[in-house]
C-alpha atoms as a PDB file:
ATOM      1  CA  MET A   1      29.764 -41.668 -15.451  1.00  0.00           C
ATOM      2  CA  ALA A   2      26.023 -41.035 -15.405  1.00  0.00           C
ATOM      3  CA  SER A   3      25.613 -42.834 -12.115  1.00  0.00           C
ATOM      4  CA  GLY A   4      28.439 -40.772 -10.632  1.00  0.00           C
ATOM      5  CA  ASN A   5      26.677 -37.522 -11.645  1.00  0.00           C
ATOM      6  CA  ASN A   6      23.413 -38.737 -10.128  1.00  0.00           C
ATOM      7  CA  ARG A   7      25.201 -39.620  -6.928  1.00  0.00           C
ATOM      8  CA  ASP A   8      26.772 -36.125  -6.775  1.00  0.00           C
ATOM      9  CA  MET A   9      23.340 -34.574  -7.219  1.00  0.00           C
ATOM     10  CA  GLN A  10      21.905 -36.666  -4.420  1.00  0.00           C
ATOM     11  CA  ASP A  11      24.834 -35.856  -2.137  1.00  0.00           C
ATOM     12  CA  LEU A  12      24.289 -32.105  -2.380  1.00  0.00           C
ATOM     13  CA  SER A  13      23.328 -30.641   0.974  1.00  0.00           C
ATOM     14  CA  THR A  14      20.249 -28.521   1.381  1.00  0.00           C
ATOM     15  CA  ARG A  15      22.447 -25.469   1.870  1.00  0.00           C
ATOM     16  CA  ALA A  16      24.337 -26.172  -1.355  1.00  0.00           C
ATOM     17  CA  VAL A  17      21.112 -26.663  -3.323  1.00  0.00           C
ATOM     18  CA  LEU A  18      19.593 -23.449  -1.985  1.00  0.00           C
ATOM     19  CA  GLY A  19      22.792 -21.486  -2.584  1.00  0.00           C
ATOM     20  CA  ARG A  20      23.169 -22.627  -6.174  1.00  0.00           C
ATOM     21  CA  ALA A  21      19.453 -22.189  -6.849  1.00  0.00           C
ATOM     22  CA  ALA A  22      19.502 -18.654  -5.441  1.00  0.00           C
ATOM     23  CA  LEU A  23      22.366 -17.732  -7.768  1.00  0.00           C
ATOM     24  CA  ILE A  24      20.523 -19.211 -10.763  1.00  0.00           C
ATOM     25  CA  GLY A  25      17.358 -17.382  -9.748  1.00  0.00           C
ATOM     26  CA  LEU A  26      19.256 -14.109  -9.564  1.00  0.00           C
ATOM     27  CA  VAL A  27      20.534 -14.541 -13.119  1.00  0.00           C
ATOM     28  CA  THR A  28      17.169 -15.858 -14.320  1.00  0.00           C
ATOM     29  CA  GLY A  29      15.386 -12.753 -13.058  1.00  0.00           C
ATOM     30  CA  ILE A  30      17.956 -10.061 -13.836  1.00  0.00           C
ATOM     31  CA  ILE A  31      19.018 -10.889 -17.412  1.00  0.00           C
ATOM     32  CA  PRO A  32      15.549 -10.925 -19.050  1.00  0.00           C
ATOM     33  CA  THR A  33      14.541  -7.897 -17.018  1.00  0.00           C
ATOM     34  CA  ALA A  34      17.630  -5.970 -18.141  1.00  0.00           C
ATOM     35  CA  ILE A  35      16.737  -6.748 -21.757  1.00  0.00           C
ATOM     36  CA  ILE A  36      13.173  -5.501 -21.246  1.00  0.00           C
ATOM     37  CA  TRP A  37      14.352  -2.339 -19.519  1.00  0.00           C
ATOM     38  CA  ALA A  38      16.865  -1.594 -22.260  1.00  0.00           C
ATOM     39  CA  ASP A  39      14.210  -2.233 -24.903  1.00  0.00           C
ATOM     40  CA  LEU A  40      11.750   0.028 -23.100  1.00  0.00           C
ATOM     41  CA  GLN A  41      14.072   2.954 -23.638  1.00  0.00           C
ATOM     42  CA  GLU A  42      13.317   2.524 -27.337  1.00  0.00           C
ATOM     43  CA  GLU A  43       9.570   2.297 -26.547  1.00  0.00           C
ATOM     44  CA  LEU A  44       9.236  -1.162 -28.112  1.00  0.00           C
ATOM     45  CA  TYR A  45       7.922  -2.818 -24.950  1.00  0.00           C
ATOM     46  CA  GLY A  46       4.977  -5.155 -25.553  1.00  0.00           C
ATOM     47  CA  THR A  47       3.330  -8.502 -24.842  1.00  0.00           C
ATOM     48  CA  ALA A  48       5.487 -10.371 -27.358  1.00  0.00           C
ATOM     49  CA  LEU A  49       8.679  -9.279 -25.629  1.00  0.00           C
ATOM     50  CA  LEU A  50       7.304 -10.286 -22.229  1.00  0.00           C
ATOM     51  CA  SER A  51       6.458 -13.743 -23.546  1.00  0.00           C
ATOM     52  CA  ALA A  52       9.921 -14.099 -25.074  1.00  0.00           C
ATOM     53  CA  MET A  53      11.576 -13.074 -21.819  1.00  0.00           C
ATOM     54  CA  PHE A  54       9.412 -15.517 -19.869  1.00  0.00           C
ATOM     55  CA  LEU A  55      10.632 -18.283 -22.172  1.00  0.00           C
ATOM     56  CA  LEU A  56      14.201 -17.053 -21.784  1.00  0.00           C
ATOM     57  CA  ALA A  57      13.824 -17.230 -17.995  1.00  0.00           C
ATOM     58  CA  ILE A  58      12.772 -20.878 -18.237  1.00  0.00           C
ATOM     59  CA  ILE A  59      15.647 -21.707 -20.595  1.00  0.00           C
ATOM     60  CA  LEU A  60      18.203 -19.947 -18.392  1.00  0.00           C
ATOM     61  CA  GLY A  61      16.778 -21.651 -15.335  1.00  0.00           C
ATOM     62  CA  THR A  62      16.895 -25.100 -16.910  1.00  0.00           C
ATOM     63  CA  VAL A  63      20.434 -24.706 -18.261  1.00  0.00           C
ATOM     64  CA  GLY A  64      21.596 -23.252 -14.958  1.00  0.00           C
ATOM     65  CA  ALA A  65      19.983 -26.055 -12.969  1.00  0.00           C
ATOM     66  CA  GLN A  66      21.744 -28.675 -15.117  1.00  0.00           C
ATOM     67  CA  MET A  67      25.125 -26.944 -14.875  1.00  0.00           C
ATOM     68  CA  ALA A  68      24.748 -26.568 -11.109  1.00  0.00           C
ATOM     69  CA  GLY A  69      23.830 -30.243 -10.721  1.00  0.00           C
ATOM     70  CA  LEU A  70      20.537 -29.558  -9.005  1.00  0.00           C
ATOM     71  CA  PRO A  71      18.323 -32.566  -8.226  1.00  0.00           C
ATOM     72  CA  ARG A  72      15.735 -33.179 -10.953  1.00  0.00           C
ATOM     73  CA  TRP A  73      17.187 -30.244 -12.837  1.00  0.00           C
ATOM     74  CA  GLY A  74      14.662 -30.449 -15.672  1.00  0.00           C
ATOM     75  CA  MET A  75      11.642 -29.919 -13.450  1.00  0.00           C
ATOM     76  CA  ALA A  76      13.552 -27.530 -11.185  1.00  0.00           C
ATOM     77  CA  GLY A  77      14.447 -25.346 -14.169  1.00  0.00           C
ATOM     78  CA  LEU A  78      10.923 -25.315 -15.607  1.00  0.00           C
ATOM     79  CA  VAL A  79       9.162 -24.686 -12.308  1.00  0.00           C
ATOM     80  CA  GLY A  80      11.892 -22.350 -11.036  1.00  0.00           C
ATOM     81  CA  GLY A  81      11.814 -20.149 -14.132  1.00  0.00           C
ATOM     82  CA  SER A  82       8.037 -19.949 -14.011  1.00  0.00           C
ATOM     83  CA  ALA A  83       7.984 -19.246 -10.267  1.00  0.00           C
ATOM     84  CA  THR A  84      10.589 -16.535 -10.712  1.00  0.00           C
ATOM     85  CA  TRP A  85       8.452 -14.595 -13.166  1.00  0.00           C
ATOM     86  CA  LEU A  86       5.227 -15.108 -11.277  1.00  0.00           C
ATOM     87  CA  LEU A  87       6.836 -13.724  -8.123  1.00  0.00           C
ATOM     88  CA  ILE A  88       8.423 -10.808  -9.984  1.00  0.00           C
ATOM     89  CA  GLY A  89       5.043  -9.905 -11.473  1.00  0.00           C
ATOM     90  CA  ALA A  90       3.355 -10.222  -8.087  1.00  0.00           C
ATOM     91  CA  LEU A  91       5.963  -8.222  -6.162  1.00  0.00           C
ATOM     92  CA  ALA A  92       5.953  -5.488  -8.786  1.00  0.00           C
ATOM     93  CA  VAL A  93       2.270  -4.915  -7.972  1.00  0.00           C
ATOM     94  CA  LEU A  94       2.224  -5.637  -4.237  1.00  0.00           C
ATOM     95  CA  VAL A  95       5.416  -3.785  -3.245  1.00  0.00           C
ATOM     96  CA  PRO A  96       5.287   0.043  -3.339  1.00  0.00           C
ATOM     97  CA  VAL A  97       7.524   1.259  -6.180  1.00  0.00           C
ATOM     98  CA  PRO A  98       7.910   4.590  -8.021  1.00  0.00           C
ATOM     99  CA  ALA A  99       5.214   5.644 -10.460  1.00  0.00           C
ATOM    100  CA  SER A 100       7.424   4.319 -13.228  1.00  0.00           C
ATOM    101  CA  GLU A 101       6.335   0.882 -11.981  1.00  0.00           C
ATOM    102  CA  LEU A 102       8.184  -2.179 -13.190  1.00  0.00           C
ATOM    103  CA  PHE A 103      10.469  -0.912 -15.924  1.00  0.00           C
ATOM    104  CA  GLY A 104      10.825   2.796 -15.374  1.00  0.00           C
ATOM    105  CA  PRO A 105      13.835   5.085 -15.455  1.00  0.00           C
ATOM    106  CA  LEU A 106      14.824   4.228 -11.856  1.00  0.00           C
ATOM    107  CA  PRO A 107      16.093   0.624 -12.083  1.00  0.00           C
ATOM    108  CA  ALA A 108      18.128   0.917  -8.884  1.00  0.00           C
ATOM    109  CA  LEU A 109      14.928   1.391  -6.880  1.00  0.00           C
ATOM    110  CA  VAL A 110      13.055  -1.579  -8.344  1.00  0.00           C
ATOM    111  CA  ALA A 111      15.994  -3.982  -8.786  1.00  0.00           C
ATOM    112  CA  PRO A 112      15.342  -5.584  -5.352  1.00  0.00           C
ATOM    113  CA  ILE A 113      12.001  -6.798  -6.738  1.00  0.00           C
ATOM    114  CA  TYR A 114      13.764  -8.829  -9.388  1.00  0.00           C
ATOM    115  CA  VAL A 115      16.394 -10.047  -6.938  1.00  0.00           C
ATOM    116  CA  VAL A 116      13.812 -11.236  -4.413  1.00  0.00           C
ATOM    117  CA  GLY A 117      11.536 -12.736  -7.069  1.00  0.00           C
ATOM    118  CA  GLY A 118      14.350 -14.652  -8.710  1.00  0.00           C
ATOM    119  CA  VAL A 119      16.127 -15.841  -5.583  1.00  0.00           C
ATOM    120  CA  VAL A 120      13.016 -16.898  -3.674  1.00  0.00           C
ATOM    121  CA  GLY A 121      11.225 -18.401  -6.666  1.00  0.00           C
ATOM    122  CA  PHE A 122      14.099 -20.561  -7.832  1.00  0.00           C
ATOM    123  CA  ALA A 123      15.367 -21.551  -4.399  1.00  0.00           C
ATOM    124  CA  LEU A 124      11.899 -22.652  -3.345  1.00  0.00           C
ATOM    125  CA  SER A 125      11.442 -24.690  -6.504  1.00  0.00           C
ATOM    126  CA  ALA A 126      14.851 -26.393  -6.278  1.00  0.00           C
ATOM    127  CA  TRP A 127      14.319 -27.230  -2.610  1.00  0.00           C
ATOM    128  CA  SER A 128      10.917 -28.782  -3.343  1.00  0.00           C
ATOM    129  CA  PHE A 129      12.468 -31.233  -5.835  1.00  0.00           C
ATOM    130  CA  MET A 130      15.184 -32.530  -3.486  1.00  0.00           C
ATOM    131  CA  SER A 131      15.150 -36.197  -2.532  1.00  0.00           C
ATOM    132  CA  PRO A 132      13.084 -37.607  -1.022  1.00  0.00           C
ATOM    133  CA  LEU A 133      10.381 -35.937  -3.084  1.00  0.00           C
ATOM    134  CA  ARG A 134       7.679 -34.504  -0.792  1.00  0.00           C
ATOM    135  CA  TRP A 135       4.272 -33.674  -2.200  1.00  0.00           C
ATOM    136  CA  TRP A 136       3.745 -30.807   0.241  1.00  0.00           C
ATOM    137  CA  ALA A 137       7.042 -29.199  -0.759  1.00  0.00           C
ATOM    138  CA  VAL A 138       6.114 -29.359  -4.437  1.00  0.00           C
ATOM    139  CA  ALA A 139       2.674 -27.967  -3.579  1.00  0.00           C
ATOM    140  CA  LEU A 140       4.341 -25.112  -1.695  1.00  0.00           C
ATOM    141  CA  ALA A 141       6.509 -24.295  -4.712  1.00  0.00           C
ATOM    142  CA  VAL A 142       3.340 -24.012  -6.796  1.00  0.00           C
ATOM    143  CA  VAL A 143       1.045 -22.307  -4.275  1.00  0.00           C
ATOM    144  CA  VAL A 144       3.434 -19.514  -3.205  1.00  0.00           C
ATOM    145  CA  PRO A 145       4.082 -18.077  -6.714  1.00  0.00           C
ATOM    146  CA  PHE A 146       0.525 -18.585  -7.944  1.00  0.00           C
ATOM    147  CA  GLY A 147      -0.930 -17.321  -4.656  1.00  0.00           C
ATOM    148  CA  SER A 148       1.246 -14.198  -4.806  1.00  0.00           C
ATOM    149  CA  TRP A 149       0.331 -13.608  -8.430  1.00  0.00           C
ATOM    150  CA  GLY A 150      -3.361 -14.073  -7.652  1.00  0.00           C
ATOM    151  CA  ALA A 151      -3.137 -11.664  -4.716  1.00  0.00           C
ATOM    152  CA  ALA A 152      -1.554  -9.080  -6.992  1.00  0.00           C
ATOM    153  CA  GLN A 153      -4.554  -9.261  -9.317  1.00  0.00           C
ATOM    154  CA  TYR A 154      -6.835  -8.310  -6.411  1.00  0.00           C
ATOM    155  CA  LYS A 155      -4.592  -5.761  -4.718  1.00  0.00           C
ATOM    156  CA  PRO A 156      -7.237  -2.968  -4.612  1.00  0.00           C
ATOM    157  CA  GLN A 157      -9.776  -5.283  -2.975  1.00  0.00           C
ATOM    158  CA  ILE A 158      -7.213  -6.594  -0.478  1.00  0.00           C
ATOM    159  CA  LEU A 159      -6.071  -3.096   0.482  1.00  0.00           C
ATOM    160  CA  ALA A 160      -9.680  -1.981   0.830  1.00  0.00           C
ATOM    161  CA  TRP A 161     -10.366  -4.878   3.186  1.00  0.00           C
ATOM    162  CA  PHE A 162      -7.431  -3.867   5.382  1.00  0.00           C
ATOM    163  CA  GLU A 163      -8.595  -0.239   5.326  1.00  0.00           C
ATOM    164  CA  VAL A 164     -12.082  -1.268   6.455  1.00  0.00           C
ATOM    165  CA  ARG A 165     -10.661  -3.354   9.278  1.00  0.00           C
ATOM    166  CA  SER A 166      -8.440  -0.441  10.359  1.00  0.00           C
ATOM    167  CA  PHE A 167     -11.387   1.929  10.665  1.00  0.00           C
ATOM    168  CA  GLU A 168     -13.474  -0.690  12.469  1.00  0.00           C
ATOM    169  CA  ARG A 169     -10.735  -1.329  15.048  1.00  0.00           C
ATOM    170  CA  SER A 170      -9.517   2.253  15.441  1.00  0.00           C
ATOM    171  CA  GLY A 171     -11.788   3.201  18.337  1.00  0.00           C
ATOM    172  CA  VAL A 172     -12.764   6.430  16.560  1.00  0.00           C
ATOM    173  CA  PRO A 173     -16.527   7.004  16.256  1.00  0.00           C
ATOM    174  CA  LEU A 174     -17.533   6.406  12.655  1.00  0.00           C
ATOM    175  CA  ILE A 175     -19.314   9.663  11.864  1.00  0.00           C
ATOM    176  CA  ALA A 176     -18.956  12.326   9.177  1.00  0.00           C
ATOM    177  CA  PRO A 177     -20.831  15.487   8.216  1.00  0.00           C
ATOM    178  CA  ALA A 178     -22.969  15.668   5.073  1.00  0.00           C
ATOM    179  CA  ILE A 179     -22.196  19.282   4.163  1.00  0.00           C
ATOM    180  CA  GLN A 180     -24.423  20.680   1.434  1.00  0.00           C
ATOM    181  CA  GLY A 181     -22.476  21.788  -1.606  1.00  0.00           C
ATOM    182  CA  TYR A 182     -19.277  20.034  -0.504  1.00  0.00           C
ATOM    183  CA  ARG A 183     -17.882  16.647  -1.469  1.00  0.00           C
ATOM    184  CA  LEU A 184     -15.674  14.384   0.608  1.00  0.00           C
ATOM    185  CA  VAL A 185     -12.368  14.009  -1.240  1.00  0.00           C
ATOM    186  CA  HIS A 186      -9.960  12.468   1.262  1.00  0.00           C
ATOM    187  CA  VAL A 187      -9.911  10.511   4.525  1.00  0.00           C
ATOM    188  CA  ASP A 188      -6.953   9.651   6.769  1.00  0.00           C
ATOM    189  CA  LEU A 189      -6.883   7.453   9.852  1.00  0.00           C
ATOM    190  CA  ASN A 190      -4.320   8.713  12.357  1.00  0.00           C
ATOM    191  CA  ALA A 191      -3.106   6.408  15.097  1.00  0.00           C
ATOM    192  CA  ALA A 192      -2.442   7.639  18.615  1.00  0.00           C
ATOM    193  CA  GLY A 193       1.126   8.815  19.026  1.00  0.00           C
ATOM    194  CA  GLN A 194       3.364  11.432  20.579  1.00  0.00           C
ATOM    195  CA  ARG A 195       1.343  14.425  19.349  1.00  0.00           C
ATOM    196  CA  GLU A 196      -2.102  12.896  19.862  1.00  0.00           C
ATOM    197  CA  SER A 197      -3.096  10.745  22.826  1.00  0.00           C
ATOM    198  CA  GLU A 198      -6.127   9.381  20.965  1.00  0.00           C
ATOM    199  CA  PRO A 199      -6.619   8.142  17.408  1.00  0.00           C
ATOM    200  CA  SER A 200      -8.576  10.270  14.957  1.00  0.00           C
ATOM    201  CA  THR A 201     -10.015  10.403  11.483  1.00  0.00           C
ATOM    202  CA  TRP A 202      -9.255  13.376   9.256  1.00  0.00           C
ATOM    203  CA  LEU A 203     -11.716  14.193   6.470  1.00  0.00           C
ATOM    204  CA  GLU A 204     -11.309  16.792   3.737  1.00  0.00           C
ATOM    205  CA  TYR A 205     -14.249  18.387   1.935  1.00  0.00           C
ATOM    206  CA  TRP A 206     -14.092  20.584  -1.163  1.00  0.00           C
ATOM    207  CA  ARG A 207     -16.485  23.010  -2.788  1.00  0.00           C
ATOM    208  CA  ASP A 208     -15.396  23.827  -6.314  1.00  0.00           C
ATOM    209  CA  ALA A 209     -15.033  27.395  -7.481  1.00  0.00           C
ATOM    210  CA  THR A 210     -17.687  28.975  -9.718  1.00  0.00           C
ATOM    211  CA  PRO A 211     -17.814  32.331 -11.517  1.00  0.00           C
ATOM    212  CA  ASN A 212     -19.708  33.720  -8.524  1.00  0.00           C
ATOM    213  CA  ARG A 213     -17.692  32.245  -5.646  1.00  0.00           C
ATOM    214  CA  GLY A 214     -14.247  30.952  -4.899  1.00  0.00           C
ATOM    215  CA  PHE A 215     -12.973  27.562  -3.908  1.00  0.00           C
ATOM    216  CA  SER A 216     -13.705  26.496  -0.326  1.00  0.00           C
ATOM    217  CA  GLU A 217     -12.278  23.738   1.832  1.00  0.00           C
ATOM    218  CA  ILE A 218     -13.403  22.220   5.121  1.00  0.00           C
ATOM    219  CA  GLN A 219     -11.166  19.933   7.158  1.00  0.00           C
ATOM    220  CA  VAL A 220     -12.887  17.741   9.725  1.00  0.00           C
ATOM    221  CA  THR A 221     -11.233  15.809  12.545  1.00  0.00           C
ATOM    222  CA  VAL A 222     -13.072  13.274  14.693  1.00  0.00           C
ATOM    223  CA  TRP A 223     -11.679  11.976  17.990  1.00  0.00           C
ATOM    224  CA  PRO A 224     -13.101   9.663  20.648  1.00  0.00           C
ATOM    225  CA  ALA A 225     -14.671  11.609  23.536  1.00  0.00           C
ATOM    226  CA  PRO A 226     -11.714  10.997  25.941  1.00  0.00           C
ATOM    227  CA  ALA A 227      -9.475  13.072  23.638  1.00  0.00           C
ATOM    228  CA  GLY A 228     -10.679  16.262  25.357  1.00  0.00           C
ATOM    229  CA  ASN A 229     -13.439  18.845  25.468  1.00  0.00           C
ATOM    230  CA  PRO A 230     -14.322  21.621  23.016  1.00  0.00           C
ATOM    231  CA  ARG A 231     -13.160  24.488  25.224  1.00  0.00           C
ATOM    232  CA  ASP A 232      -9.705  23.099  26.002  1.00  0.00           C
ATOM    233  CA  SER A 233      -9.238  22.017  22.406  1.00  0.00           C
ATOM    234  CA  CYS A 234     -10.023  25.500  21.148  1.00  0.00           C
ATOM    235  CA  LEU A 235      -7.589  27.111  23.569  1.00  0.00           C
ATOM    236  CA  ALA A 236      -4.817  24.566  22.925  1.00  0.00           C
ATOM    237  CA  VAL A 237      -3.039  26.204  19.980  1.00  0.00           C
ATOM    238  CA  THR A 238      -0.232  23.872  18.897  1.00  0.00           C
ATOM    239  CA  GLU A 239       0.970  25.812  15.823  1.00  0.00           C
ATOM    240  CA  ASP A 240       2.187  29.345  15.136  1.00  0.00           C
ATOM    241  CA  TYR A 241      -0.363  30.846  12.748  1.00  0.00           C
ATOM    242  CA  GLY A 242       1.342  34.227  12.654  1.00  0.00           C
ATOM    243  CA  VAL A 243      -1.840  36.091  13.683  1.00  0.00           C
ATOM    244  CA  PRO A 244      -3.588  36.648  17.028  1.00  0.00           C
ATOM    245  CA  LEU A 245      -6.189  33.968  17.710  1.00  0.00           C
ATOM    246  CA  ARG A 246      -9.287  34.146  19.860  1.00  0.00           C
ATOM    247  CA  CYS A 247     -11.824  31.601  21.048  1.00  0.00           C
ATOM    248  CA  LYS A 248     -15.434  32.332  21.828  1.00  0.00           C
ATOM    249  CA  SER A 249     -18.144  30.092  23.213  1.00  0.00           C
ATOM    250  CA  LEU A 250     -21.521  29.333  21.694  1.00  0.00           C
ATOM    251  CA  PRO A 251     -24.531  27.651  23.289  1.00  0.00           C
ATOM    252  CA  GLY A 252     -24.318  23.865  23.489  1.00  0.00           C
ATOM    253  CA  ASP A 253     -20.629  23.697  24.470  1.00  0.00           C
ATOM    254  CA  ARG A 254     -19.499  24.789  21.037  1.00  0.00           C
ATOM    255  CA  TRP A 255     -16.385  26.896  20.597  1.00  0.00           C
ATOM    256  CA  VAL A 256     -15.195  28.952  17.635  1.00  0.00           C
ATOM    257  CA  ARG A 257     -11.591  29.967  16.962  1.00  0.00           C
ATOM    258  CA  THR A 258     -10.819  32.816  14.576  1.00  0.00           C
ATOM    259  CA  GLY A 259      -7.699  34.769  13.669  1.00  0.00           C
ATOM    260  CA  ALA A 260      -7.308  38.421  12.782  1.00  0.00           C
ATOM    261  CA  GLY A 261      -7.098  38.798   9.021  1.00  0.00           C
ATOM    262  CA  SER A 262      -7.404  35.044   8.421  1.00  0.00           C
ATOM    263  CA  SER A 263     -10.025  33.388   6.191  1.00  0.00           C
ATOM    264  CA  TRP A 264      -9.961  30.258   8.331  1.00  0.00           C
ATOM    265  CA  VAL A 265     -12.570  29.521  10.993  1.00  0.00           C
ATOM    266  CA  THR A 266     -12.358  26.551  13.374  1.00  0.00           C
ATOM    267  CA  VAL A 267     -15.251  25.074  15.333  1.00  0.00           C
ATOM    268  CA  PHE A 268     -14.976  22.581  18.190  1.00  0.00           C
ATOM    269  CA  ALA A 269     -17.948  20.649  19.548  1.00  0.00           C
ATOM    270  CA  ARG A 270     -19.235  17.284  20.663  1.00  0.00           C
ATOM    271  CA  SER A 271     -21.240  15.043  18.390  1.00  0.00           C
ATOM    272  CA  GLY A 272     -22.561  12.022  20.222  1.00  0.00           C
ATOM    273  CA  ASP A 273     -19.617  10.228  21.808  1.00  0.00           C
ATOM    274  CA  ALA A 274     -17.064  12.099  19.691  1.00  0.00           C
ATOM    275  CA  LEU A 275     -15.091  15.329  19.861  1.00  0.00           C
ATOM    276  CA  VAL A 276     -15.119  17.016  16.451  1.00  0.00           C
ATOM    277  CA  MET A 277     -13.312  19.913  14.841  1.00  0.00           C
ATOM    278  CA  LEU A 278     -14.307  21.674  11.615  1.00  0.00           C
ATOM    279  CA  ASN A 279     -11.680  23.915  10.077  1.00  0.00           C
ATOM    280  CA  GLY A 280     -12.916  25.898   7.060  1.00  0.00           C
ATOM    281  CA  SER A 281     -11.593  28.466   4.637  1.00  0.00           C
ATOM    282  CA  SER A 282     -13.686  30.955   2.665  1.00  0.00           C
ATOM    283  CA  ILE A 283     -16.802  29.963   4.572  1.00  0.00           C
ATOM    284  CA  ALA A 284     -18.960  31.991   6.929  1.00  0.00           C
ATOM    285  CA  GLU A 285     -18.763  31.152  10.602  1.00  0.00           C
ATOM    286  CA  ALA A 286     -22.517  30.560  10.748  1.00  0.00           C
ATOM    287  CA  ASP A 287     -22.353  28.063   7.876  1.00  0.00           C
ATOM    288  CA  LEU A 288     -19.508  26.158   9.540  1.00  0.00           C
ATOM    289  CA  VAL A 289     -21.400  26.007  12.843  1.00  0.00           C
ATOM    290  CA  ALA A 290     -24.509  24.845  10.986  1.00  0.00           C
ATOM    291  CA  ALA A 291     -22.510  21.955   9.534  1.00  0.00           C
ATOM    292  CA  LEU A 292     -22.300  20.478  13.040  1.00  0.00           C
ATOM    293  CA  SER A 293     -25.921  19.379  12.752  1.00  0.00           C
ATOM    294  CA  THR A 294     -25.168  17.324   9.624  1.00  0.00           C
ATOM    295  CA  PHE A 295     -22.979  14.723  11.321  1.00  0.00           C
ATOM    296  CA  ARG A 296     -24.283  11.224  10.673  1.00  0.00           C
ATOM    297  CA  PRO A 297     -23.062   7.632  11.087  1.00  0.00           C
ATOM    298  CA  ILE A 298     -20.872   6.422   8.252  1.00  0.00           C
ATOM    299  CA  SER A 299     -19.628   2.909   7.608  1.00  0.00           C
ATOM    300  CA  ALA A 300     -15.977   1.869   7.670  1.00  0.00           C
ATOM    301  CA  TYR A 301     -16.443   0.720   4.086  1.00  0.00           C
ATOM    302  CA  GLU A 302     -17.563   4.189   2.951  1.00  0.00           C
ATOM    303  CA  LEU A 303     -14.543   5.793   4.632  1.00  0.00           C
ATOM    304  CA  ALA A 304     -12.148   3.246   3.149  1.00  0.00           C
ATOM    305  CA  MET A 305     -13.482   3.858  -0.354  1.00  0.00           C
ATOM    306  CA  VAL A 306     -12.559   7.547  -0.092  1.00  0.00           C
ATOM    307  CA  THR A 307      -8.986   7.015   1.085  1.00  0.00           C
END
């Protein structure tokens, strides 16, 4: 009888092994997670429960692998259960989810994380233990979950690296003003598209309110020189501001746009090989124009750290 069971296990096709393993992985990921989510509603969630559910995932995986007749079911269950939880933990960090994170009040939105983690983790593990045993397949079953988990631990550093590379490759001159009394609070990199023919960086500066003065904000946009010239950019009004606008020229090919009754002032100019726009509220026109002289080179790393 034992030899007949072994023969059945060996005769399973790759498709059958992957199908059964995916089903086991689904159960292995969903059941412990459902218990944790239900327990969280009582605010009892903690490390001990996580450890217990990790053990439950391994037990479910091992029992399921034996019942499904998977090759080398003992190892497949142990490695599959572990891989399932490593991938779930990694995906929960790497994949954008609601602020409630892993076990919040919106299970329908994060359930795919558990489905993918369970199915992929267990299927990969079961496939790696099929006959003939291949060292590279077993290595893959170990490297993928652990690599994903490791990447999740360094998500901020990884994202920062991609941000730096994006700014470096954008084609936008890397410059920014150093405006006295203001701090840089946000940076966006905008790709060229339907509304803009050239990429740009958008920088937001704030000056906090004090008892003697109100809050002030300056928005800065930097384009490559081919995006246009200061005059045309000033005259090209693309939004309805609800007030009459006028543009006036200043020496040095600088243009200022103002609106009747509006606290906003917009300045267009060139700075090196860039076209720049400064859009400020609750700031004098002369102070905004003076900020043009404060533009300086800035590194992609500095910009990425602000975003």
